[in-house]
């Protein structure tokens, strides 16, 4: 087991300009999406590399605006009611994947209208480019020492002590003195071993989902199928990993005494993905390949 290194949040300093790790992860995410989309466009007759810049622009706008709006609506709605200007306080942090996902879908819908394409043709084209962004984003979460996992008594070598979670660890120690057997002291703080759930998500929602989606979408598939696989893959991964992730302090378990907000928001993705996948194969419309419908 290791103690989280508490990395300097500033990755690069160029005179008065500071580049933070999380900002760098966003930059890498957008760069990866652009490169992957450019490659995919070169393999499709109905796509041109000139479209890719527009595609990434609409996607980036959707991620940033949707992510912020989604975070405030899903996680800080009470704060929004008390202070509507809170929505604009982006420097205080707070982004939601589910909000960003909806924002990207809306951006892709506008892109589809502009280029007179089916919305699901665009969705299917772009979803294989999304998991790399999730990979970089979760690595950014880990570097920042945020969104850490739950306390574990499993003794696994990969568990982490997060100094950023010291206050929560103290609360759990007070509530359950038996946890003192797991406790270590670091710089006067009493810490408990936690799952590095950020890295679990980076691996499952990022790396594994990317590998599978890239392979799956490399051959002709019915329209909506790739989008359905993304919804299923992300939804199932997030739902399972939420069992290892510490619920947000101001949210806790919000349903049935065990479901988190992340699980509630992911459950519809699983349901919709399953229905879409069945419908896609039953409908049998292809956007490219020998059965393509132009």
Protein backbone atom coordinates (compact mmCIF):
# COMPACT_ATOMS: atom_id res chain seq x y z
CA UNK A 1 0.00 0.00 0.00
CA UNK A 2 1.15 3.52 -0.71
CA UNK A 3 0.40 7.04 0.43
CA UNK A 4 -0.87 9.31 -2.31
CA UNK A 5 2.05 11.59 -3.28
CA UNK A 6 -0.05 14.78 -3.20
CA UNK A 7 1.24 15.96 -6.54
CA UNK A 8 1.68 19.65 -7.18
CA UNK A 9 -1.54 20.65 -9.00
CA UNK A 10 0.58 22.73 -11.39
CA UNK A 11 2.07 20.51 -14.08
CA UNK A 12 4.02 23.23 -15.92
CA UNK A 13 5.05 26.78 -15.08
CA UNK A 14 6.03 29.02 -17.96
CA UNK A 15 6.74 32.37 -16.35
CA UNK A 16 3.42 33.77 -15.13
CA UNK A 17 1.50 31.02 -16.95
CA UNK A 18 0.64 27.91 -14.95
CA UNK A 19 -0.72 24.76 -16.55
CA UNK A 20 -2.61 22.60 -14.07
CA UNK A 21 -2.67 18.84 -14.33
CA UNK A 22 -6.42 18.71 -14.80
CA UNK A 23 -6.25 21.29 -17.59
CA UNK A 24 -3.48 19.27 -19.19
CA UNK A 25 -5.65 16.15 -19.02
CA UNK A 26 -8.45 18.01 -20.81
CA UNK A 27 -5.98 19.10 -23.48
CA UNK A 28 -4.76 15.52 -23.96
CA UNK A 29 -8.37 14.29 -24.06
CA UNK A 30 -9.33 16.71 -26.83
CA UNK A 31 -6.12 16.02 -28.75
CA UNK A 32 -6.71 12.26 -28.57
CA UNK A 33 -10.34 12.70 -29.69
CA UNK A 34 -9.22 14.83 -32.63
CA UNK A 35 -6.58 12.32 -33.72
CA UNK A 36 -8.92 9.34 -33.44
CA UNK A 37 -11.76 11.14 -35.23
CA UNK A 38 -9.38 12.22 -38.01
CA UNK A 39 -8.27 8.61 -38.48
CA UNK A 40 -11.86 7.35 -38.54
CA UNK A 41 -12.87 10.01 -41.06
CA UNK A 42 -10.14 8.82 -43.43
CA UNK A 43 -11.77 5.35 -43.46
CA UNK A 44 -15.32 6.51 -44.22
CA UNK A 45 -16.55 7.70 -47.63
CA UNK A 46 -19.26 9.87 -46.07
CA UNK A 47 -16.83 11.69 -43.77
CA UNK A 48 -14.06 14.13 -44.56
CA UNK A 49 -11.14 15.22 -42.43
CA UNK A 50 -12.43 18.80 -42.78
CA UNK A 51 -15.48 17.83 -40.70
CA UNK A 52 -13.34 16.70 -37.79
CA UNK A 53 -12.44 20.19 -36.57
CA UNK A 54 -16.13 21.10 -36.36
CA UNK A 55 -16.90 17.79 -34.69
CA UNK A 56 -14.30 18.29 -31.97
CA UNK A 57 -15.35 21.93 -31.47
CA UNK A 58 -18.98 20.95 -30.88
CA UNK A 59 -17.86 18.08 -28.66
CA UNK A 60 -15.53 20.23 -26.55
CA UNK A 61 -18.25 22.86 -26.11
CA UNK A 62 -20.68 20.14 -25.03
CA UNK A 63 -18.22 18.64 -22.54
CA UNK A 64 -17.44 21.96 -20.85
CA UNK A 65 -20.92 23.49 -20.79
CA UNK A 66 -22.78 20.22 -20.22
CA UNK A 67 -20.30 19.06 -17.60
CA UNK A 68 -20.67 22.23 -15.56
CA UNK A 69 -24.45 22.54 -15.92
CA UNK A 70 -24.88 18.84 -15.17
CA UNK A 71 -22.76 19.06 -12.02
CA UNK A 72 -24.76 21.99 -10.69
CA UNK A 73 -28.15 20.45 -11.56
CA UNK A 74 -27.35 16.89 -10.44
CA UNK A 75 -25.15 17.55 -7.42
CA UNK A 76 -25.56 21.18 -6.29
CA UNK A 77 -29.15 22.04 -7.15
CA UNK A 78 -29.81 23.49 -3.70
CA UNK A 79 -26.83 25.81 -4.06
CA UNK A 80 -28.12 26.90 -7.49
CA UNK A 81 -31.52 27.81 -6.02
CA UNK A 82 -29.88 29.91 -3.31
CA UNK A 83 -27.31 31.48 -5.61
CA UNK A 84 -27.92 31.20 -9.38
CA UNK A 85 -24.52 32.80 -10.03
CA UNK A 86 -22.93 29.62 -8.64
CA UNK A 87 -23.41 28.10 -12.10
CA UNK A 88 -20.74 30.48 -13.42
CA UNK A 89 -18.18 29.82 -10.68
CA UNK A 90 -16.20 27.34 -12.75
CA UNK A 91 -12.97 28.23 -10.93
CA UNK A 92 -14.36 26.50 -7.83
CA UNK A 93 -14.40 23.21 -9.75
CA UNK A 94 -17.21 20.76 -10.35
CA UNK A 95 -17.86 18.80 -13.54
CA UNK A 96 -20.23 15.92 -14.14
CA UNK A 97 -19.65 13.13 -16.66
CA UNK A 98 -23.37 12.60 -17.16
CA UNK A 99 -23.89 16.30 -17.81
CA UNK A 100 -20.91 16.35 -20.16
CA UNK A 101 -22.28 13.32 -21.98
CA UNK A 102 -25.65 15.00 -22.52
CA UNK A 103 -23.83 18.14 -23.63
CA UNK A 104 -21.81 16.20 -26.20
CA UNK A 105 -24.94 14.47 -27.50
CA UNK A 106 -26.60 17.86 -27.93
CA UNK A 107 -23.50 19.20 -29.69
CA UNK A 108 -23.43 16.19 -32.00
CA UNK A 109 -27.11 16.75 -32.80
CA UNK A 110 -26.34 20.31 -33.94
CA UNK A 111 -23.39 18.97 -35.94
CA UNK A 112 -25.65 16.39 -37.59
CA UNK A 113 -28.14 19.08 -38.58
CA UNK A 114 -25.39 21.23 -40.05
CA UNK A 115 -24.02 18.41 -42.20
CA UNK A 116 -27.41 16.80 -42.90
CA UNK A 117 -26.54 13.49 -41.27
CA UNK A 118 -28.55 11.17 -39.09
CA UNK A 119 -27.95 11.96 -35.41
CA UNK A 120 -27.11 8.32 -34.69
CA UNK A 121 -24.69 8.18 -37.60
CA UNK A 122 -22.78 10.96 -35.86
CA UNK A 123 -23.15 9.39 -32.40
CA UNK A 124 -21.84 6.05 -33.70
CA UNK A 125 -18.92 7.79 -35.36
CA UNK A 126 -17.84 9.72 -32.27
CA UNK A 127 -18.40 7.33 -29.32
CA UNK A 128 -15.23 5.25 -29.95
CA UNK A 129 -13.26 8.50 -29.52
CA UNK A 130 -14.77 9.26 -26.09
CA UNK A 131 -13.21 6.66 -23.71
CA UNK A 132 -9.68 8.06 -24.10
CA UNK A 133 -11.02 11.34 -22.72
CA UNK A 134 -12.46 9.45 -19.75
CA UNK A 135 -9.08 7.78 -19.25
CA UNK A 136 -7.24 11.11 -19.07
CA UNK A 137 -9.95 12.68 -16.93
CA UNK A 138 -9.79 9.96 -14.29
CA UNK A 139 -6.01 10.11 -14.23
CA UNK A 140 -6.43 13.83 -13.56
CA UNK A 141 -8.76 13.01 -10.66
CA UNK A 142 -6.13 10.70 -9.19
CA UNK A 143 -3.31 13.23 -9.58
CA UNK A 144 -5.47 15.82 -7.82
CA UNK A 145 -6.28 13.34 -5.05
CA UNK A 146 -10.03 13.75 -5.49
CA UNK A 147 -12.97 11.36 -5.87
CA UNK A 148 -11.13 8.71 -3.87
CA UNK A 149 -12.55 5.30 -3.07
CA UNK A 150 -14.07 3.72 0.01
CA UNK A 151 -12.10 2.39 2.96
CA UNK A 152 -11.03 -1.24 2.55
CA UNK A 153 -9.78 -3.81 5.02
CA UNK A 154 -8.69 -6.17 2.24
CA UNK A 155 -4.98 -5.45 2.58
CA UNK A 156 -4.54 -5.20 -1.20
CA UNK A 157 -1.18 -3.88 -2.33
CA UNK A 158 -2.76 -1.25 -4.59
CA UNK A 159 -4.79 0.48 -1.87
CA UNK A 160 -3.87 4.11 -1.20
CA UNK A 161 -3.78 6.37 1.83
CA UNK A 162 -5.16 9.72 0.72
CA UNK A 163 -4.10 12.68 2.91
CA UNK A 164 -6.87 14.63 1.15
CA UNK A 165 -9.37 12.28 2.84
CA UNK A 166 -8.00 12.79 6.36
CA UNK A 167 -11.14 14.51 7.67
CA UNK A 168 -13.36 11.71 6.34
CA UNK A 169 -11.01 9.10 7.74
CA UNK A 170 -11.25 10.69 11.18
CA UNK A 171 -15.06 10.62 10.98
CA UNK A 172 -15.00 6.93 10.12
CA UNK A 173 -12.52 6.18 12.89
CA UNK A 174 -14.77 7.91 15.40
CA UNK A 175 -17.82 6.02 14.10
CA UNK A 176 -16.01 2.67 13.98
CA UNK A 177 -13.02 2.42 16.38
CA UNK A 178 -12.24 -1.09 15.03
CA UNK A 179 -10.79 0.63 11.94
CA UNK A 180 -7.82 1.77 14.06
CA UNK A 181 -6.14 -1.53 13.15
CA UNK A 182 -5.90 -0.26 9.55
CA UNK A 183 -4.82 3.27 10.43
CA UNK A 184 -1.43 4.83 9.82
CA UNK A 185 -0.15 8.25 10.86
CA UNK A 186 1.29 10.54 8.18
CA UNK A 187 2.44 14.03 9.15
CA UNK A 188 0.14 14.06 12.14
CA UNK A 189 -2.87 12.85 10.17
CA UNK A 190 -4.57 9.51 10.74
CA UNK A 191 -5.31 7.84 7.43
CA UNK A 192 -7.18 4.72 6.32
CA UNK A 193 -6.49 2.59 3.24
CA UNK A 194 -8.86 3.37 0.37
CA UNK A 195 -9.54 2.02 -3.10
CA UNK A 196 -7.95 4.18 -5.82
CA UNK A 197 -11.32 4.18 -7.58
CA UNK A 198 -10.16 6.90 -9.97
CA UNK A 199 -7.72 4.39 -11.47
CA UNK A 200 -10.38 1.66 -11.56
CA UNK A 201 -12.54 4.01 -13.63
CA UNK A 202 -9.62 5.01 -15.84
CA UNK A 203 -8.99 1.35 -16.62
CA UNK A 204 -12.60 0.19 -17.09
CA UNK A 205 -14.38 3.24 -18.54
CA UNK A 206 -11.30 4.46 -20.36
CA UNK A 207 -8.86 1.79 -21.50
CA UNK A 208 -11.06 -1.32 -21.70
CA UNK A 209 -14.08 0.48 -23.17
CA UNK A 210 -11.87 2.14 -25.78
CA UNK A 211 -10.29 -1.15 -26.85
CA UNK A 212 -13.64 -2.89 -27.18
CA UNK A 213 -15.46 -0.01 -28.89
CA UNK A 214 -12.62 0.60 -31.33
CA UNK A 215 -12.62 -3.07 -32.31
CA UNK A 216 -16.42 -3.29 -32.41
CA UNK A 217 -16.84 -0.21 -34.60
CA UNK A 218 -14.02 -1.13 -37.00
CA UNK A 219 -16.41 -3.37 -38.98
CA UNK A 220 -19.83 -2.48 -40.38
CA UNK A 221 -22.38 -2.50 -37.56
CA UNK A 222 -26.05 -1.45 -37.65
CA UNK A 223 -26.80 2.18 -36.93
CA UNK A 224 -27.21 2.86 -33.17
CA UNK A 225 -25.23 -0.26 -32.17
CA UNK A 226 -21.95 1.50 -31.32
CA UNK A 227 -23.82 4.13 -29.32
CA UNK A 228 -25.66 1.34 -27.49
CA UNK A 229 -22.41 -0.43 -26.64
CA UNK A 230 -20.96 2.80 -25.25
CA UNK A 231 -24.03 3.36 -23.08
CA UNK A 232 -23.90 -0.22 -21.81
CA UNK A 233 -20.14 -0.28 -21.32
CA UNK A 234 -19.93 3.00 -19.46
CA UNK A 235 -23.13 2.49 -17.50
CA UNK A 236 -22.21 -0.98 -16.26
CA UNK A 237 -18.60 -0.01 -15.44
CA UNK A 238 -19.63 3.11 -13.54
CA UNK A 239 -22.44 1.32 -11.69
CA UNK A 240 -20.06 -1.41 -10.46
CA UNK A 241 -17.15 0.87 -9.58
CA UNK A 242 -19.46 3.11 -7.55
CA UNK A 243 -19.41 0.28 -4.98
CA UNK A 244 -15.70 1.06 -4.49
CA UNK A 245 -15.95 4.86 -4.73
CA UNK A 246 -16.63 7.07 -1.73
CA UNK A 247 -20.02 8.78 -2.17
CA UNK A 248 -19.85 12.57 -2.27
CA UNK A 249 -20.02 13.95 1.26
CA UNK A 250 -23.05 16.12 0.51
CA UNK A 251 -24.87 13.29 -1.29
CA UNK A 252 -24.22 10.02 0.49
CA UNK A 253 -26.47 7.11 -0.42
CA UNK A 254 -29.54 8.60 -2.03
CA UNK A 255 -31.76 5.56 -2.71
CA UNK A 256 -32.51 2.29 -0.88
CA UNK A 257 -29.73 2.98 1.58
CA UNK A 258 -27.01 1.83 -0.83
CA UNK A 259 -27.40 3.52 -4.23
CA UNK A 260 -25.28 6.57 -5.02
CA UNK A 261 -26.14 9.46 -7.31
CA UNK A 262 -23.66 8.08 -9.85
CA UNK A 263 -25.51 4.76 -9.92
CA UNK A 264 -28.89 6.43 -10.31
CA UNK A 265 -27.59 8.46 -13.26
CA UNK A 266 -25.90 5.40 -14.83
CA UNK A 267 -28.87 3.04 -14.56
CA UNK A 268 -30.82 4.76 -17.39
CA UNK A 269 -27.74 4.47 -19.61
CA UNK A 270 -27.74 0.70 -19.12
CA UNK A 271 -31.46 0.39 -19.83
CA UNK A 272 -31.40 2.65 -22.90
CA UNK A 273 -28.24 0.97 -24.20
CA UNK A 274 -29.79 -2.48 -23.94
CA UNK A 275 -32.97 -1.40 -25.73
CA UNK A 276 -31.02 0.46 -28.43
CA UNK A 277 -28.79 -2.55 -29.12
CA UNK A 278 -31.74 -4.87 -29.67
CA UNK A 279 -33.51 -2.26 -31.82
CA UNK A 280 -30.38 -1.59 -33.89
CA UNK A 281 -29.93 -5.21 -34.92
CA UNK A 282 -33.63 -5.71 -35.48
CA UNK A 283 -33.77 -2.61 -37.70
CA UNK A 284 -30.61 -3.53 -39.59
CA UNK A 285 -29.72 -0.14 -41.14
CA UNK A 286 -26.01 0.33 -41.90
CA UNK A 287 -24.24 3.65 -42.49
CA UNK A 288 -21.23 2.12 -44.24
CA UNK A 289 -20.22 -1.22 -45.69
CA UNK A 290 -21.94 -3.45 -48.23
CA UNK A 291 -25.38 -2.95 -46.64
CA UNK A 292 -25.06 0.81 -46.20
CA UNK A 293 -28.19 2.90 -46.64
CA UNK A 294 -27.30 6.25 -48.22
